[in-house]
PDB file of N, CA and C in Angstrom:
ATOM      1  N   MET A   1      74.395  38.715  58.612  1.00  0.00           N
ATOM      2  CA  MET A   1      73.687  39.679  57.873  1.00  0.00           C
ATOM      3  C   MET A   1      74.552  40.162  56.725  1.00  0.00           C
ATOM      4  N   LEU A   2      73.897  40.429  55.622  1.00  0.00           N
ATOM      5  CA  LEU A   2      74.605  40.963  54.386  1.00  0.00           C
ATOM      6  C   LEU A   2      74.962  42.437  54.607  1.00  0.00           C
ATOM      7  N   ALA A   3      76.005  42.940  54.044  1.00  0.00           N
ATOM      8  CA  ALA A   3      76.322  44.280  53.961  1.00  0.00           C
ATOM      9  C   ALA A   3      75.287  45.030  53.210  1.00  0.00           C
ATOM     10  N   LYS A   4      75.125  46.258  53.369  1.00  0.00           N
ATOM     11  CA  LYS A   4      74.066  46.982  52.747  1.00  0.00           C
ATOM     12  C   LYS A   4      74.172  47.028  51.273  1.00  0.00           C
ATOM     13  N   ARG A   5      75.402  46.967  50.710  1.00  0.00           N
ATOM     14  CA  ARG A   5      75.483  46.986  49.211  1.00  0.00           C
ATOM     15  C   ARG A   5      75.046  45.710  48.598  1.00  0.00           C
ATOM     16  N   TYR A   6      74.879  44.738  49.329  1.00  0.00           N
ATOM     17  CA  TYR A   6      74.400  43.403  48.816  1.00  0.00           C
ATOM     18  C   TYR A   6      72.904  43.242  49.011  1.00  0.00           C
ATOM     19  N   ARG A   7      72.251  44.151  49.662  1.00  0.00           N
ATOM     20  CA  ARG A   7      70.767  44.054  49.913  1.00  0.00           C
ATOM     21  C   ARG A   7      69.970  44.769  48.874  1.00  0.00           C
ATOM     22  N   LEU A   8      68.952  44.079  48.528  1.00  0.00           N
ATOM     23  CA  LEU A   8      68.034  44.664  47.440  1.00  0.00           C
ATOM     24  C   LEU A   8      66.983  45.568  48.065  1.00  0.00           C
ATOM     25  N   PRO A   9      66.755  46.753  47.541  1.00  0.00           N
ATOM     26  CA  PRO A   9      65.634  47.577  48.077  1.00  0.00           C
ATOM     27  C   PRO A   9      64.310  46.950  47.515  1.00  0.00           C
ATOM     28  N   ILE A  10      63.689  46.020  48.380  1.00  0.00           N
ATOM     29  CA  ILE A  10      62.596  45.158  47.883  1.00  0.00           C
ATOM     30  C   ILE A  10      61.348  46.092  47.520  1.00  0.00           C
ATOM     31  N   GLN A  11      61.205  47.245  48.077  1.00  0.00           N
ATOM     32  CA  GLN A  11      60.105  47.993  47.798  1.00  0.00           C
ATOM     33  C   GLN A  11      59.968  48.396  46.269  1.00  0.00           C
ATOM     34  N   HIS A  12      61.056  48.399  45.597  1.00  0.00           N
ATOM     35  CA  HIS A  12      61.070  48.661  44.135  1.00  0.00           C
ATOM     36  C   HIS A  12      60.915  47.572  43.275  1.00  0.00           C
ATOM     37  N   TYR A  13      61.095  46.363  43.771  1.00  0.00           N
ATOM     38  CA  TYR A  13      61.090  45.030  43.046  1.00  0.00           C
ATOM     39  C   TYR A  13      59.866  44.225  43.291  1.00  0.00           C
ATOM     40  N   VAL A  14      59.040  44.421  44.281  1.00  0.00           N
ATOM     41  CA  VAL A  14      57.971  43.469  44.597  1.00  0.00           C
ATOM     42  C   VAL A  14      57.018  43.365  43.452  1.00  0.00           C
ATOM     43  N   LYS A  15      56.633  44.450  42.851  1.00  0.00           N
ATOM     44  CA  LYS A  15      55.664  44.298  41.738  1.00  0.00           C
ATOM     45  C   LYS A  15      56.270  44.188  40.326  1.00  0.00           C
ATOM     46  N   GLU A  16      57.622  44.147  40.267  1.00  0.00           N
ATOM     47  CA  GLU A  16      58.252  44.007  38.951  1.00  0.00           C
ATOM     48  C   GLU A  16      58.200  42.553  38.512  1.00  0.00           C
ATOM     49  N   ARG A  17      58.286  42.432  37.235  1.00  0.00           N
ATOM     50  CA  ARG A  17      58.415  41.061  36.633  1.00  0.00           C
ATOM     51  C   ARG A  17      59.790  40.702  36.288  1.00  0.00           C
ATOM     52  N   GLY A  18      60.199  39.514  36.611  1.00  0.00           N
ATOM     53  CA  GLY A  18      61.608  39.024  36.269  1.00  0.00           C
ATOM     54  C   GLY A  18      61.483  37.542  35.971  1.00  0.00           C
ATOM     55  N   ARG A  19      62.565  37.000  35.686  1.00  0.00           N
ATOM     56  CA  ARG A  19      62.536  35.502  35.447  1.00  0.00           C
ATOM     57  C   ARG A  19      62.300  34.872  36.835  1.00  0.00           C
ATOM     58  N   SER A  20      61.515  33.800  36.897  1.00  0.00           N
ATOM     59  CA  SER A  20      61.273  33.223  38.236  1.00  0.00           C
ATOM     60  C   SER A  20      61.545  31.769  38.186  1.00  0.00           C
ATOM     61  N   LYS A  21      61.759  31.336  39.377  1.00  0.00           N
ATOM     62  CA  LYS A  21      61.976  29.893  39.645  1.00  0.00           C
ATOM     63  C   LYS A  21      61.413  29.616  41.006  1.00  0.00           C
ATOM     64  N   SER A  22      60.850  28.540  41.227  1.00  0.00           N
ATOM     65  CA  SER A  22      60.200  28.226  42.539  1.00  0.00           C
ATOM     66  C   SER A  22      60.207  26.822  42.917  1.00  0.00           C
ATOM     67  N   ASN A  23      60.087  26.559  44.118  1.00  0.00           N
ATOM     68  CA  ASN A  23      59.914  25.155  44.637  1.00  0.00           C
ATOM     69  C   ASN A  23      58.798  25.245  45.756  1.00  0.00           C
ATOM     70  N   ARG A  24      58.668  24.274  46.542  1.00  0.00           N
ATOM     71  CA  ARG A  24      57.599  24.231  47.493  1.00  0.00           C
ATOM     72  C   ARG A  24      57.713  25.303  48.661  1.00  0.00           C
ATOM     73  N   VAL A  25      58.964  25.677  48.840  1.00  0.00           N
ATOM     74  CA  VAL A  25      59.165  26.588  50.055  1.00  0.00           C
ATOM     75  C   VAL A  25      59.512  28.002  49.562  1.00  0.00           C
ATOM     76  N   PHE A  26      60.129  28.269  48.521  1.00  0.00           N
ATOM     77  CA  PHE A  26      60.478  29.579  48.003  1.00  0.00           C
ATOM     78  C   PHE A  26      60.118  29.808  46.572  1.00  0.00           C
ATOM     79  N   SER A  27      59.994  31.083  46.221  1.00  0.00           N
ATOM     80  CA  SER A  27      59.902  31.604  44.862  1.00  0.00           C
ATOM     81  C   SER A  27      60.987  32.651  44.755  1.00  0.00           C
ATOM     82  N   VAL A  28      61.770  32.533  43.650  1.00  0.00           N
ATOM     83  CA  VAL A  28      62.833  33.451  43.416  1.00  0.00           C
ATOM     84  C   VAL A  28      62.562  34.192  42.050  1.00  0.00           C
ATOM     85  N   ARG A  29      62.618  35.478  42.160  1.00  0.00           N
ATOM     86  CA  ARG A  29      62.623  36.340  40.965  1.00  0.00           C
ATOM     87  C   ARG A  29      64.002  36.855  40.723  1.00  0.00           C
ATOM     88  N   VAL A  30      64.469  36.821  39.465  1.00  0.00           N
ATOM     89  CA  VAL A  30      65.788  37.242  39.081  1.00  0.00           C
ATOM     90  C   VAL A  30      65.621  38.375  38.134  1.00  0.00           C
ATOM     91  N   PHE A  31      66.354  39.495  38.386  1.00  0.00           N
ATOM     92  CA  PHE A  31      66.431  40.715  37.561  1.00  0.00           C
ATOM     93  C   PHE A  31      67.786  40.902  37.104  1.00  0.00           C
ATOM     94  N   LEU A  32      68.017  41.595  35.949  1.00  0.00           N
ATOM     95  CA  LEU A  32      69.294  42.072  35.566  1.00  0.00           C
ATOM     96  C   LEU A  32      69.859  42.911  36.547  1.00  0.00           C
ATOM     97  N   GLY A  33      71.144  42.771  36.795  1.00  0.00           N
ATOM     98  CA  GLY A  33      71.854  43.557  37.864  1.00  0.00           C
ATOM     99  C   GLY A  33      71.993  45.077  37.561  1.00  0.00           C
ATOM    100  N   ALA A  34      71.493  45.932  38.328  1.00  0.00           N
ATOM    101  CA  ALA A  34      71.671  47.289  38.147  1.00  0.00           C
ATOM    102  C   ALA A  34      72.980  47.856  38.775  1.00  0.00           C
ATOM    103  N   THR A  35      73.651  47.118  39.529  1.00  0.00           N
ATOM    104  CA  THR A  35      74.894  47.467  40.107  1.00  0.00           C
ATOM    105  C   THR A  35      75.924  46.535  39.743  1.00  0.00           C
ATOM    106  N   ALA A  36      77.166  46.638  40.291  1.00  0.00           N
ATOM    107  CA  ALA A  36      78.343  45.789  39.973  1.00  0.00           C
ATOM    108  C   ALA A  36      78.437  44.610  40.804  1.00  0.00           C
ATOM    109  N   VAL A  37      77.453  44.418  41.788  1.00  0.00           N
ATOM    110  CA  VAL A  37      77.428  43.356  42.666  1.00  0.00           C
ATOM    111  C   VAL A  37      76.072  42.671  42.740  1.00  0.00           C
ATOM    112  N   ASN A  38      76.054  41.361  43.057  1.00  0.00           N
ATOM    113  CA  ASN A  38      74.703  40.711  43.294  1.00  0.00           C
ATOM    114  C   ASN A  38      73.945  41.385  44.490  1.00  0.00           C
ATOM    115  N   ARG A  39      72.736  41.502  44.446  1.00  0.00           N
ATOM    116  CA  ARG A  39      71.965  42.053  45.453  1.00  0.00           C
ATOM    117  C   ARG A  39      70.803  40.989  45.828  1.00  0.00           C
ATOM    118  N   PHE A  40      70.395  40.904  47.100  1.00  0.00           N
ATOM    119  CA  PHE A  40      69.429  39.924  47.498  1.00  0.00           C
ATOM    120  C   PHE A  40      68.412  40.582  48.384  1.00  0.00           C
ATOM    121  N   GLY A  41      67.180  40.196  48.173  1.00  0.00           N
ATOM    122  CA  GLY A  41      66.093  40.666  49.016  1.00  0.00           C
ATOM    123  C   GLY A  41      65.269  39.521  49.411  1.00  0.00           C
ATOM    124  N   VAL A  42      64.791  39.493  50.719  1.00  0.00           N
ATOM    125  CA  VAL A  42      63.967  38.374  51.221  1.00  0.00           C
ATOM    126  C   VAL A  42      62.646  38.919  51.691  1.00  0.00           C
ATOM    127  N   VAL A  43      61.571  38.322  51.184  1.00  0.00           N
ATOM    128  CA  VAL A  43      60.245  38.767  51.658  1.00  0.00           C
ATOM    129  C   VAL A  43      59.526  37.534  52.406  1.00  0.00           C
ATOM    130  N   ILE A  44      59.112  37.837  53.549  1.00  0.00           N
ATOM    131  CA  ILE A  44      58.311  36.714  54.304  1.00  0.00           C
ATOM    132  C   ILE A  44      57.048  37.461  54.664  1.00  0.00           C
ATOM    133  N   PRO A  45      55.963  37.208  54.044  1.00  0.00           N
ATOM    134  CA  PRO A  45      54.721  37.840  54.231  1.00  0.00           C
ATOM    135  C   PRO A  45      54.181  37.506  55.736  1.00  0.00           C
ATOM    136  N   ARG A  46      53.416  38.502  56.230  1.00  0.00           N
ATOM    137  CA  ARG A  46      52.802  38.334  57.572  1.00  0.00           C
ATOM    138  C   ARG A  46      51.811  37.232  57.549  1.00  0.00           C
ATOM    139  N   ALA A  47      51.222  36.879  56.413  1.00  0.00           N
ATOM    140  CA  ALA A  47      50.260  35.807  56.381  1.00  0.00           C
ATOM    141  C   ALA A  47      50.966  34.465  56.656  1.00  0.00           C
ATOM    142  N   ILE A  48      52.209  34.347  56.429  1.00  0.00           N
ATOM    143  CA  ILE A  48      52.913  33.100  56.653  1.00  0.00           C
ATOM    144  C   ILE A  48      53.340  32.945  58.134  1.00  0.00           C
ATOM    145  N   ALA A  49      53.922  34.034  58.666  1.00  0.00           N
ATOM    146  CA  ALA A  49      54.437  34.032  60.051  1.00  0.00           C
ATOM    147  C   ALA A  49      53.875  35.302  60.702  1.00  0.00           C
ATOM    148  N   LYS A  50      53.029  35.143  61.715  1.00  0.00           N
ATOM    149  CA  LYS A  50      52.438  36.268  62.371  1.00  0.00           C
ATOM    150  C   LYS A  50      53.481  37.120  63.144  1.00  0.00           C
ATOM    151  N   LYS A  51      54.304  36.408  63.862  1.00  0.00           N
ATOM    152  CA  LYS A  51      55.288  37.078  64.701  1.00  0.00           C
ATOM    153  C   LYS A  51      56.463  37.589  63.912  1.00  0.00           C
ATOM    154  N   ALA A  52      56.867  38.814  64.211  1.00  0.00           N
ATOM    155  CA  ALA A  52      58.017  39.413  63.630  1.00  0.00           C
ATOM    156  C   ALA A  52      59.277  38.725  63.911  1.00  0.00           C
ATOM    157  N   THR A  53      59.357  38.100  65.098  1.00  0.00           N
ATOM    158  CA  THR A  53      60.521  37.396  65.580  1.00  0.00           C
ATOM    159  C   THR A  53      60.739  36.105  64.618  1.00  0.00           C
ATOM    160  N   THR A  54      59.715  35.487  64.338  1.00  0.00           N
ATOM    161  CA  THR A  54      59.805  34.291  63.478  1.00  0.00           C
ATOM    162  C   THR A  54      60.211  34.729  62.044  1.00  0.00           C
ATOM    163  N   ARG A  55      59.555  35.771  61.556  1.00  0.00           N
ATOM    164  CA  ARG A  55      59.994  36.256  60.176  1.00  0.00           C
ATOM    165  C   ARG A  55      61.418  36.696  60.122  1.00  0.00           C
ATOM    166  N   ASN A  56      61.950  37.317  61.171  1.00  0.00           N
ATOM    167  CA  ASN A  56      63.306  37.757  61.208  1.00  0.00           C
ATOM    168  C   ASN A  56      64.286  36.637  61.322  1.00  0.00           C
ATOM    169  N   GLN A  57      63.854  35.529  62.104  1.00  0.00           N
ATOM    170  CA  GLN A  57      64.752  34.336  62.237  1.00  0.00           C
ATOM    171  C   GLN A  57      64.905  33.708  60.943  1.00  0.00           C
ATOM    172  N   ILE A  58      63.797  33.546  60.184  1.00  0.00           N
ATOM    173  CA  ILE A  58      63.898  32.888  58.880  1.00  0.00           C
ATOM    174  C   ILE A  58      64.775  33.841  57.892  1.00  0.00           C
ATOM    175  N   ARG A  59      64.497  35.142  58.019  1.00  0.00           N
ATOM    176  CA  ARG A  59      65.311  35.993  57.135  1.00  0.00           C
ATOM    177  C   ARG A  59      66.832  36.021  57.448  1.00  0.00           C
ATOM    178  N   ARG A  60      67.176  35.884  58.650  1.00  0.00           N
ATOM    179  CA  ARG A  60      68.588  35.761  58.997  1.00  0.00           C
ATOM    180  C   ARG A  60      69.198  34.409  58.549  1.00  0.00           C
ATOM    181  N   LEU A  61      68.378  33.295  58.591  1.00  0.00           N
ATOM    182  CA  LEU A  61      68.835  32.014  58.078  1.00  0.00           C
ATOM    183  C   LEU A  61      69.124  32.105  56.607  1.00  0.00           C
ATOM    184  N   VAL A  62      68.205  32.736  55.821  1.00  0.00           N
ATOM    185  CA  VAL A  62      68.415  32.884  54.403  1.00  0.00           C
ATOM    186  C   VAL A  62      69.474  33.772  54.080  1.00  0.00           C
ATOM    187  N   PHE A  63      69.705  34.981  54.815  1.00  0.00           N
ATOM    188  CA  PHE A  63      70.855  35.764  54.531  1.00  0.00           C
ATOM    189  C   PHE A  63      72.176  35.091  54.824  1.00  0.00           C
ATOM    190  N   SER A  64      72.237  34.255  55.844  1.00  0.00           N
ATOM    191  CA  SER A  64      73.451  33.549  56.183  1.00  0.00           C
ATOM    192  C   SER A  64      73.760  32.607  55.035  1.00  0.00           C
ATOM    193  N   PHE A  65      72.799  31.992  54.487  1.00  0.00           N
ATOM    194  CA  PHE A  65      73.096  31.098  53.219  1.00  0.00           C
ATOM    195  C   PHE A  65      73.556  31.976  52.150  1.00  0.00           C
ATOM    196  N   LEU A  66      73.012  33.129  51.919  1.00  0.00           N
ATOM    197  CA  LEU A  66      73.388  33.987  50.712  1.00  0.00           C
ATOM    198  C   LEU A  66      74.705  34.507  50.827  1.00  0.00           C
ATOM    199  N   GLN A  67      75.425  34.509  52.008  1.00  0.00           N
ATOM    200  CA  GLN A  67      76.737  35.073  52.146  1.00  0.00           C
ATOM    201  C   GLN A  67      77.693  34.432  51.115  1.00  0.00           C
ATOM    202  N   SER A  68      77.496  33.123  50.907  1.00  0.00           N
ATOM    203  CA  SER A  68      78.321  32.421  49.899  1.00  0.00           C
ATOM    204  C   SER A  68      78.097  32.781  48.478  1.00  0.00           C
ATOM    205  N   LYS A  69      76.851  33.316  48.168  1.00  0.00           N
ATOM    206  CA  LYS A  69      76.382  33.504  46.813  1.00  0.00           C
ATOM    207  C   LYS A  69      76.624  34.957  46.414  1.00  0.00           C
ATOM    208  N   LYS A  70      77.178  35.761  47.256  1.00  0.00           N
ATOM    209  CA  LYS A  70      77.220  37.235  46.931  1.00  0.00           C
ATOM    210  C   LYS A  70      78.244  37.509  45.797  1.00  0.00           C
ATOM    211  N   ASN A  71      79.132  36.673  45.539  1.00  0.00           N
ATOM    212  CA  ASN A  71      80.191  36.866  44.481  1.00  0.00           C
ATOM    213  C   ASN A  71      79.860  36.062  43.274  1.00  0.00           C
ATOM    214  N   HIS A  72      78.712  35.568  43.097  1.00  0.00           N
ATOM    215  CA  HIS A  72      78.318  34.633  42.028  1.00  0.00           C
ATOM    216  C   HIS A  72      78.240  35.533  40.689  1.00  0.00           C
ATOM    217  N   LYS A  73      78.618  34.902  39.594  1.00  0.00           N
ATOM    218  CA  LYS A  73      78.613  35.497  38.352  1.00  0.00           C
ATOM    219  C   LYS A  73      77.496  34.975  37.469  1.00  0.00           C
ATOM    220  N   PRO A  74      76.798  35.503  36.652  1.00  0.00           N
ATOM    221  CA  PRO A  74      76.678  36.948  36.390  1.00  0.00           C
ATOM    222  C   PRO A  74      76.012  37.758  37.444  1.00  0.00           C
ATOM    223  N   VAL A  75      76.164  39.108  37.334  1.00  0.00           N
ATOM    224  CA  VAL A  75      75.677  39.910  38.305  1.00  0.00           C
ATOM    225  C   VAL A  75      74.151  40.133  38.067  1.00  0.00           C
ATOM    226  N   GLN A  76      73.359  39.795  39.176  1.00  0.00           N
ATOM    227  CA  GLN A  76      71.845  39.831  39.091  1.00  0.00           C
ATOM    228  C   GLN A  76      71.321  40.275  40.481  1.00  0.00           C
ATOM    229  N   ASP A  77      70.065  40.656  40.369  1.00  0.00           N
ATOM    230  CA  ASP A  77      69.365  41.053  41.601  1.00  0.00           C
ATOM    231  C   ASP A  77      68.262  39.863  41.863  1.00  0.00           C
ATOM    232  N   PHE A  78      68.249  39.343  43.060  1.00  0.00           N
ATOM    233  CA  PHE A  78      67.408  38.266  43.392  1.00  0.00           C
ATOM    234  C   PHE A  78      66.356  38.737  44.463  1.00  0.00           C
ATOM    235  N   LEU A  79      65.156  38.388  44.249  1.00  0.00           N
ATOM    236  CA  LEU A  79      64.130  38.681  45.235  1.00  0.00           C
ATOM    237  C   LEU A  79      63.593  37.291  45.617  1.00  0.00           C
ATOM    238  N   ILE A  80      63.725  36.915  46.901  1.00  0.00           N
ATOM    239  CA  ILE A  80      63.348  35.524  47.338  1.00  0.00           C
ATOM    240  C   ILE A  80      62.142  35.772  48.284  1.00  0.00           C
ATOM    241  N   ILE A  81      61.019  35.117  47.870  1.00  0.00           N
ATOM    242  CA  ILE A  81      59.783  35.183  48.501  1.00  0.00           C
ATOM    243  C   ILE A  81      59.442  33.823  49.175  1.00  0.00           C
ATOM    244  N   ALA A  82      59.108  33.891  50.446  1.00  0.00           N
ATOM    245  CA  ALA A  82      58.785  32.597  51.195  1.00  0.00           C
ATOM    246  C   ALA A  82      57.349  32.193  50.994  1.00  0.00           C
ATOM    247  N   ARG A  83      57.154  30.920  51.039  1.00  0.00           N
ATOM    248  CA  ARG A  83      55.886  30.323  50.829  1.00  0.00           C
ATOM    249  C   ARG A  83      55.410  29.723  52.191  1.00  0.00           C
ATOM    250  N   SER A  84      54.221  29.368  52.296  1.00  0.00           N
ATOM    251  CA  SER A  84      53.537  28.979  53.607  1.00  0.00           C
ATOM    252  C   SER A  84      54.248  27.779  54.343  1.00  0.00           C
ATOM    253  N   PRO A  85      54.723  26.728  53.724  1.00  0.00           N
ATOM    254  CA  PRO A  85      55.157  25.647  54.604  1.00  0.00           C
ATOM    255  C   PRO A  85      56.560  25.917  55.227  1.00  0.00           C
ATOM    256  N   ILE A  86      57.131  27.112  55.039  1.00  0.00           N
ATOM    257  CA  ILE A  86      58.468  27.408  55.638  1.00  0.00           C
ATOM    258  C   ILE A  86      58.420  27.414  57.206  1.00  0.00           C
ATOM    259  N   VAL A  87      57.366  27.819  57.796  1.00  0.00           N
ATOM    260  CA  VAL A  87      57.258  27.953  59.246  1.00  0.00           C
ATOM    261  C   VAL A  87      57.413  26.528  59.879  1.00  0.00           C
ATOM    262  N   SER A  88      56.841  25.558  59.308  1.00  0.00           N
ATOM    263  CA  SER A  88      56.855  24.251  59.984  1.00  0.00           C
ATOM    264  C   SER A  88      58.163  23.448  59.685  1.00  0.00           C
ATOM    265  N   LEU A  89      58.997  23.891  58.731  1.00  0.00           N
ATOM    266  CA  LEU A  89      60.160  23.120  58.368  1.00  0.00           C
ATOM    267  C   LEU A  89      61.436  23.489  59.316  1.00  0.00           C
ATOM    268  N   PRO A  90      62.186  22.447  59.493  1.00  0.00           N
ATOM    269  CA  PRO A  90      63.390  22.723  60.252  1.00  0.00           C
ATOM    270  C   PRO A  90      64.444  23.469  59.314  1.00  0.00           C
ATOM    271  N   SER A  91      65.417  23.974  60.010  1.00  0.00           N
ATOM    272  CA  SER A  91      66.420  24.902  59.171  1.00  0.00           C
ATOM    273  C   SER A  91      67.092  24.144  58.148  1.00  0.00           C
ATOM    274  N   LYS A  92      67.448  22.795  58.310  1.00  0.00           N
ATOM    275  CA  LYS A  92      68.248  22.196  57.361  1.00  0.00           C
ATOM    276  C   LYS A  92      67.387  21.906  56.077  1.00  0.00           C
ATOM    277  N   ASP A  93      66.060  21.733  56.223  1.00  0.00           N
ATOM    278  CA  ASP A  93      65.189  21.568  55.078  1.00  0.00           C
ATOM    279  C   ASP A  93      65.075  22.985  54.339  1.00  0.00           C
ATOM    280  N   ILE A  94      65.103  24.041  55.061  1.00  0.00           N
ATOM    281  CA  ILE A  94      64.974  25.327  54.400  1.00  0.00           C
ATOM    282  C   ILE A  94      66.269  25.612  53.640  1.00  0.00           C
ATOM    283  N   LEU A  95      67.521  25.251  54.200  1.00  0.00           N
ATOM    284  CA  LEU A  95      68.718  25.459  53.418  1.00  0.00           C
ATOM    285  C   LEU A  95      68.758  24.483  52.278  1.00  0.00           C
ATOM    286  N   ARG A  96      68.257  23.355  52.477  1.00  0.00           N
ATOM    287  CA  ARG A  96      68.278  22.428  51.215  1.00  0.00           C
ATOM    288  C   ARG A  96      67.381  22.946  50.129  1.00  0.00           C
ATOM    289  N   ALA A  97      66.207  23.574  50.496  1.00  0.00           N
ATOM    290  CA  ALA A  97      65.420  24.153  49.325  1.00  0.00           C
ATOM    291  C   ALA A  97      66.079  25.313  48.669  1.00  0.00           C
ATOM    292  N   LEU A  98      66.811  26.151  49.509  1.00  0.00           N
ATOM    293  CA  LEU A  98      67.592  27.235  48.887  1.00  0.00           C
ATOM    294  C   LEU A  98      68.717  26.666  48.031  1.00  0.00           C
ATOM    295  N   THR A  99      69.415  25.652  48.478  1.00  0.00           N
ATOM    296  CA  THR A  99      70.443  25.102  47.570  1.00  0.00           C
ATOM    297  C   THR A  99      69.872  24.565  46.261  1.00  0.00           C
ATOM    298  N   ASP A 100      68.761  23.943  46.327  1.00  0.00           N
ATOM    299  CA  ASP A 100      68.103  23.505  45.057  1.00  0.00           C
ATOM    300  C   ASP A 100      67.755  24.578  44.089  1.00  0.00           C
ATOM    301  N   LEU A 101      67.403  25.743  44.647  1.00  0.00           N
ATOM    302  CA  LEU A 101      67.090  26.856  43.784  1.00  0.00           C
ATOM    303  C   LEU A 101      68.246  27.508  43.175  1.00  0.00           C
ATOM    304  N   PHE A 102      69.416  27.529  43.944  1.00  0.00           N
ATOM    305  CA  PHE A 102      70.595  28.298  43.404  1.00  0.00           C
ATOM    306  C   PHE A 102      71.569  27.341  42.732  1.00  0.00           C
ATOM    307  N   THR A 103      71.267  26.137  42.357  1.00  0.00           N
ATOM    308  CA  THR A 103      72.111  25.234  41.672  1.00  0.00           C
ATOM    309  C   THR A 103      71.561  25.119  40.252  1.00  0.00           C
TER     310      THR A 103
END
């Protein structure tokens, strides 16, 4: 899990517009950094995964991937939104999709 200073308060950014990039599994919105560190928020809608345990499992997987990206320059805020095929994918495919987005 990421430390609190690296987590984005997603309630303030869900309806904001930023630069976006997406693939089949994720959509990422990038905002100018308001703090001195990169911040990350992950949104997994209930329509995608009904059970909270499934949503939290995916969220933990994404946050573990983001541990290595927290010192990335330039400083930005990232909002990562999951799409529907994520529930049926194995974890290695989810990590591969994240790697494609962040390279």
